[in-house]
Amino acid sequence: MNLARYIPAGCGGLRCPPAQEPASIHDILPSNSRTIGNKMIKHRLFNRIAAVFAGLVVASASHAGTFSDSLPEFSGTGANGVETVGMFTFSVPANETILSARIDGTFGNSEITSTSVHSVYADGILIASCADMASFCWSTGPEAWSYSFSGAELGIFADGQVVITTDQTDCCTVRLGAMTLTGVTAAVPEPGTYAMLLAGLGLLTAVKRRKA
């Protein structure tokens, strides 16, 4: 630290006036030190706000739930046309939204491992198809399949019931293994949570801009 600039030039002996004291600590700190200090404060503030924001997001996601159901294996009548395989029934908790859903099944069952040419539908949505007699599901089997619902398709699960049908278009008999339905839900955040998330995002943006 250089204090020479606070002692009058040519001063000597006891008659020297007292050295001028700096007005504040900032007067004796280099300007780059003050800049570094300000950056450290902003960095700590940014990290604290980011931690709070992350906590709110995690708390919102931590309330995720599930729903599920299963159907036994199915053998059709052998006639071409539409048949009902069964209906999934389940419960979606109140004030929760459906994030994802999936149905898994198998062409062929314990009676015969192959199946006829047909398509499988969930409330009218095509979820699986044994396309033709050249397909493995028709000639040999068994063949596993699965379908993941997305976007507007998830709306079919809102009432807690999904009907599975099959549409046979060629000879022989529709044979399907057991099917399983699995879904994931999440609590709908309260308006106050949305407000805190938006406020946290705004603070993060503001601090980030000041750091830049």
Protein backbone atom coordinates (compact mmCIF):
# COMPACT_ATOMS: atom_id res chain seq x y z
CA MET A 1 0.00 0.00 0.00
CA ASN A 2 1.39 3.38 -0.98
CA LEU A 3 0.63 6.05 1.69
CA ALA A 4 3.14 8.59 0.37
CA ARG A 5 0.42 10.54 -1.39
CA TYR A 6 -1.21 11.27 1.98
CA ILE A 7 2.00 12.96 3.45
CA PRO A 8 2.70 16.57 2.34
CA ALA A 9 5.79 17.01 0.20
CA GLY A 10 8.89 18.35 2.01
CA CYS A 11 7.55 17.44 5.39
CA GLY A 12 10.18 16.87 8.06
CA GLY A 13 10.44 16.98 11.80
CA LEU A 14 7.74 17.52 14.38
CA ARG A 15 6.29 20.59 12.71
CA CYS A 16 4.88 18.45 9.92
CA PRO A 17 1.07 18.64 9.76
CA PRO A 18 -0.62 15.32 10.42
CA ALA A 19 -0.90 13.02 7.44
CA GLN A 20 -4.18 13.22 5.58
CA GLU A 21 -6.29 10.21 6.33
CA PRO A 22 -8.14 8.50 3.51
CA ALA A 23 -11.86 9.22 3.48
CA SER A 24 -12.76 5.56 3.12
CA ILE A 25 -11.31 2.17 2.37
CA HIS A 26 -12.15 2.70 -1.29
CA ASP A 27 -9.56 5.55 -1.42
CA ILE A 28 -6.70 3.18 -0.66
CA LEU A 29 -7.90 0.22 -2.74
CA PRO A 30 -6.87 0.02 -6.37
CA SER A 31 -9.76 0.56 -8.78
CA ASN A 32 -9.42 -2.97 -10.15
CA SER A 33 -9.87 -4.38 -6.61
CA ARG A 34 -13.19 -2.54 -6.28
CA THR A 35 -14.28 -3.96 -9.65
CA ILE A 36 -13.35 -7.49 -8.59
CA GLY A 37 -15.24 -7.04 -5.32
CA ASN A 38 -18.38 -5.90 -7.10
CA LYS A 39 -18.19 -8.84 -9.47
CA MET A 40 -17.87 -11.26 -6.55
CA ILE A 41 -20.96 -9.79 -4.88
CA LYS A 42 -22.97 -10.06 -8.09
CA HIS A 43 -21.73 -13.61 -8.62
CA ARG A 44 -22.85 -14.64 -5.12
CA LEU A 45 -26.23 -12.96 -5.61
CA PHE A 46 -26.70 -14.72 -8.93
CA ASN A 47 -25.87 -18.10 -7.37
CA ARG A 48 -28.30 -17.58 -4.49
CA ILE A 49 -31.15 -16.58 -6.79
CA ALA A 50 -30.37 -19.54 -9.07
CA ALA A 51 -30.47 -21.90 -6.08
CA VAL A 52 -33.88 -20.59 -4.98
CA PHE A 53 -35.22 -20.84 -8.53
CA ALA A 54 -33.94 -24.42 -8.86
CA GLY A 55 -35.53 -25.31 -5.54
CA LEU A 56 -38.92 -24.09 -6.73
CA VAL A 57 -38.64 -26.12 -9.92
CA VAL A 58 -37.62 -29.28 -8.04
CA ALA A 59 -40.41 -28.82 -5.50
CA SER A 60 -42.93 -28.53 -8.32
CA ALA A 61 -41.63 -31.69 -10.01
CA SER A 62 -41.34 -33.69 -6.79
CA HIS A 63 -45.11 -34.23 -6.63
CA ALA A 64 -45.09 -36.52 -9.71
CA GLY A 65 -47.44 -39.51 -9.46
CA THR A 66 -48.35 -42.52 -11.60
CA PHE A 67 -51.35 -44.50 -12.79
CA SER A 68 -51.51 -47.97 -14.31
CA ASP A 69 -53.72 -50.89 -15.30
CA SER A 70 -53.50 -54.15 -17.23
CA LEU A 71 -55.60 -56.31 -19.53
CA PRO A 72 -55.42 -60.11 -19.86
CA GLU A 73 -54.44 -61.82 -23.10
CA PHE A 74 -57.07 -61.86 -25.83
CA SER A 75 -58.19 -64.19 -28.60
CA GLY A 76 -60.72 -62.97 -31.15
CA THR A 77 -63.59 -64.72 -32.90
CA GLY A 78 -61.76 -65.12 -36.20
CA ALA A 79 -64.17 -62.86 -38.08
CA ASN A 80 -62.96 -59.77 -39.91
CA GLY A 81 -63.99 -56.47 -38.37
CA VAL A 82 -63.82 -54.62 -35.08
CA GLU A 83 -63.79 -56.35 -31.70
CA THR A 84 -63.37 -54.96 -28.21
CA VAL A 85 -60.31 -56.27 -26.40
CA GLY A 86 -61.06 -54.63 -23.06
CA MET A 87 -60.99 -51.36 -21.14
CA PHE A 88 -58.25 -49.88 -18.98
CA THR A 89 -59.61 -48.21 -15.87
CA PHE A 90 -57.50 -46.04 -13.60
CA SER A 91 -57.59 -42.93 -11.46
CA VAL A 92 -55.81 -39.64 -12.11
CA PRO A 93 -55.53 -37.62 -8.86
CA ALA A 94 -57.47 -34.38 -8.74
CA ASN A 95 -55.52 -31.22 -9.58
CA GLU A 96 -52.88 -33.23 -11.45
CA THR A 97 -52.00 -33.18 -15.13
CA ILE A 98 -50.94 -36.16 -17.25
CA LEU A 99 -47.34 -35.87 -18.43
CA SER A 100 -46.95 -39.15 -20.33
CA ALA A 101 -48.59 -42.52 -20.95
CA ARG A 102 -47.56 -45.76 -22.62
CA ILE A 103 -49.16 -49.09 -23.54
CA ASP A 104 -47.10 -52.26 -23.97
CA GLY A 105 -48.34 -55.50 -25.51
CA THR A 106 -47.51 -58.55 -27.61
CA PHE A 107 -48.75 -60.00 -30.88
CA GLY A 108 -49.46 -63.66 -30.10
CA ASN A 109 -50.39 -65.21 -26.76
CA SER A 110 -50.12 -68.42 -24.75
CA GLU A 111 -52.52 -70.25 -27.14
CA ILE A 112 -50.67 -69.46 -30.37
CA THR A 113 -47.60 -67.26 -30.71
CA SER A 114 -48.70 -65.68 -34.01
CA THR A 115 -51.76 -63.60 -34.89
CA SER A 116 -53.90 -62.49 -37.81
CA VAL A 117 -53.44 -59.31 -39.83
CA HIS A 118 -55.03 -56.59 -37.73
CA SER A 119 -54.58 -53.21 -36.05
CA VAL A 120 -54.97 -52.23 -32.40
CA TYR A 121 -56.59 -48.97 -31.28
CA ALA A 122 -56.86 -47.08 -27.97
CA ASP A 123 -59.97 -44.87 -28.00
CA GLY A 124 -59.59 -44.68 -31.78
CA ILE A 125 -55.82 -43.96 -31.82
CA LEU A 126 -53.78 -46.52 -33.77
CA ILE A 127 -51.21 -47.97 -31.36
CA ALA A 128 -50.05 -51.21 -33.05
CA SER A 129 -50.43 -53.11 -36.30
CA CYS A 130 -49.58 -56.55 -37.65
CA ALA A 131 -49.41 -55.27 -41.21
CA ASP A 132 -49.53 -58.32 -43.49
CA MET A 133 -48.80 -62.03 -43.85
CA ALA A 134 -45.13 -61.30 -44.47
CA SER A 135 -44.82 -59.81 -41.00
CA PHE A 136 -43.10 -61.73 -38.20
CA CYS A 137 -46.18 -61.27 -35.98
CA TRP A 138 -48.29 -63.25 -38.49
CA SER A 139 -45.80 -65.93 -39.51
CA THR A 140 -44.04 -66.75 -36.25
CA GLY A 141 -44.41 -64.46 -33.25
CA PRO A 142 -44.60 -63.62 -30.48
CA GLU A 143 -43.66 -59.96 -31.18
CA ALA A 144 -43.60 -57.25 -28.54
CA TRP A 145 -44.85 -53.75 -29.28
CA SER A 146 -45.34 -50.49 -27.39
CA TYR A 147 -46.83 -47.09 -28.00
CA SER A 148 -46.08 -43.79 -26.20
CA PHE A 149 -48.76 -41.11 -26.26
CA SER A 150 -47.91 -37.44 -26.63
CA GLY A 151 -49.47 -34.01 -27.01
CA ALA A 152 -53.22 -33.95 -27.58
CA GLU A 153 -53.38 -37.77 -27.47
CA LEU A 154 -52.96 -37.62 -23.68
CA GLY A 155 -56.48 -36.20 -23.48
CA ILE A 156 -57.99 -39.70 -23.81
CA PHE A 157 -56.78 -40.50 -20.28
CA ALA A 158 -58.58 -37.59 -18.59
CA ASP A 159 -61.73 -39.61 -17.78
CA GLY A 160 -59.86 -42.61 -16.33
CA GLN A 161 -61.03 -45.03 -19.03
CA VAL A 162 -59.44 -46.15 -22.32
CA VAL A 163 -61.12 -48.75 -24.57
CA ILE A 164 -58.87 -51.07 -26.59
CA THR A 165 -60.24 -52.43 -29.87
CA THR A 166 -58.85 -54.49 -32.73
CA ASP A 167 -59.75 -54.43 -36.42
CA GLN A 168 -59.04 -57.72 -38.23
CA THR A 169 -58.59 -57.46 -42.01
CA ASP A 170 -57.50 -60.97 -43.07
CA CYS A 171 -57.85 -64.66 -42.21
CA CYS A 172 -57.24 -66.51 -38.99
CA THR A 173 -57.65 -65.15 -35.46
CA VAL A 174 -56.49 -62.07 -33.55
CA ARG A 175 -54.32 -63.15 -30.65
CA LEU A 176 -52.84 -60.61 -28.26
CA GLY A 177 -50.79 -61.05 -25.12
CA ALA A 178 -51.47 -59.19 -21.88
CA MET A 179 -51.30 -55.39 -22.15
CA THR A 180 -50.09 -52.91 -19.57
CA LEU A 181 -50.79 -49.20 -19.29
CA THR A 182 -48.45 -46.90 -17.35
CA GLY A 183 -48.71 -43.15 -16.98
CA VAL A 184 -47.04 -40.28 -15.13
CA THR A 185 -48.80 -37.28 -13.61
CA ALA A 186 -47.69 -34.08 -11.88
CA ALA A 187 -49.42 -31.64 -9.57
CA VAL A 188 -50.62 -28.46 -11.23
CA PRO A 189 -48.67 -25.63 -9.52
CA GLU A 190 -50.67 -23.08 -7.53
CA PRO A 191 -50.85 -19.54 -8.98
CA GLY A 192 -48.45 -18.39 -6.25
CA THR A 193 -45.86 -20.92 -7.38
CA TYR A 194 -46.10 -19.66 -10.94
CA ALA A 195 -45.61 -16.11 -9.66
CA MET A 196 -42.49 -17.08 -7.71
CA LEU A 197 -41.06 -18.96 -10.69
CA LEU A 198 -41.61 -15.97 -12.97
CA ALA A 199 -40.12 -13.59 -10.39
CA GLY A 200 -37.07 -15.82 -10.00
CA LEU A 201 -36.61 -16.01 -13.74
CA GLY A 202 -36.84 -12.22 -13.97
CA LEU A 203 -34.22 -11.76 -11.25
CA LEU A 204 -31.87 -14.24 -12.90
CA THR A 205 -32.21 -12.40 -16.21
CA ALA A 206 -31.59 -9.01 -14.60
CA VAL A 207 -28.50 -10.19 -12.70
CA LYS A 208 -27.14 -11.93 -15.77
CA ARG A 209 -27.46 -8.74 -17.80
CA ARG A 210 -25.66 -6.70 -15.13
CA LYS A 211 -22.85 -9.26 -15.00
CA ALA A 212 -22.46 -8.92 -18.77
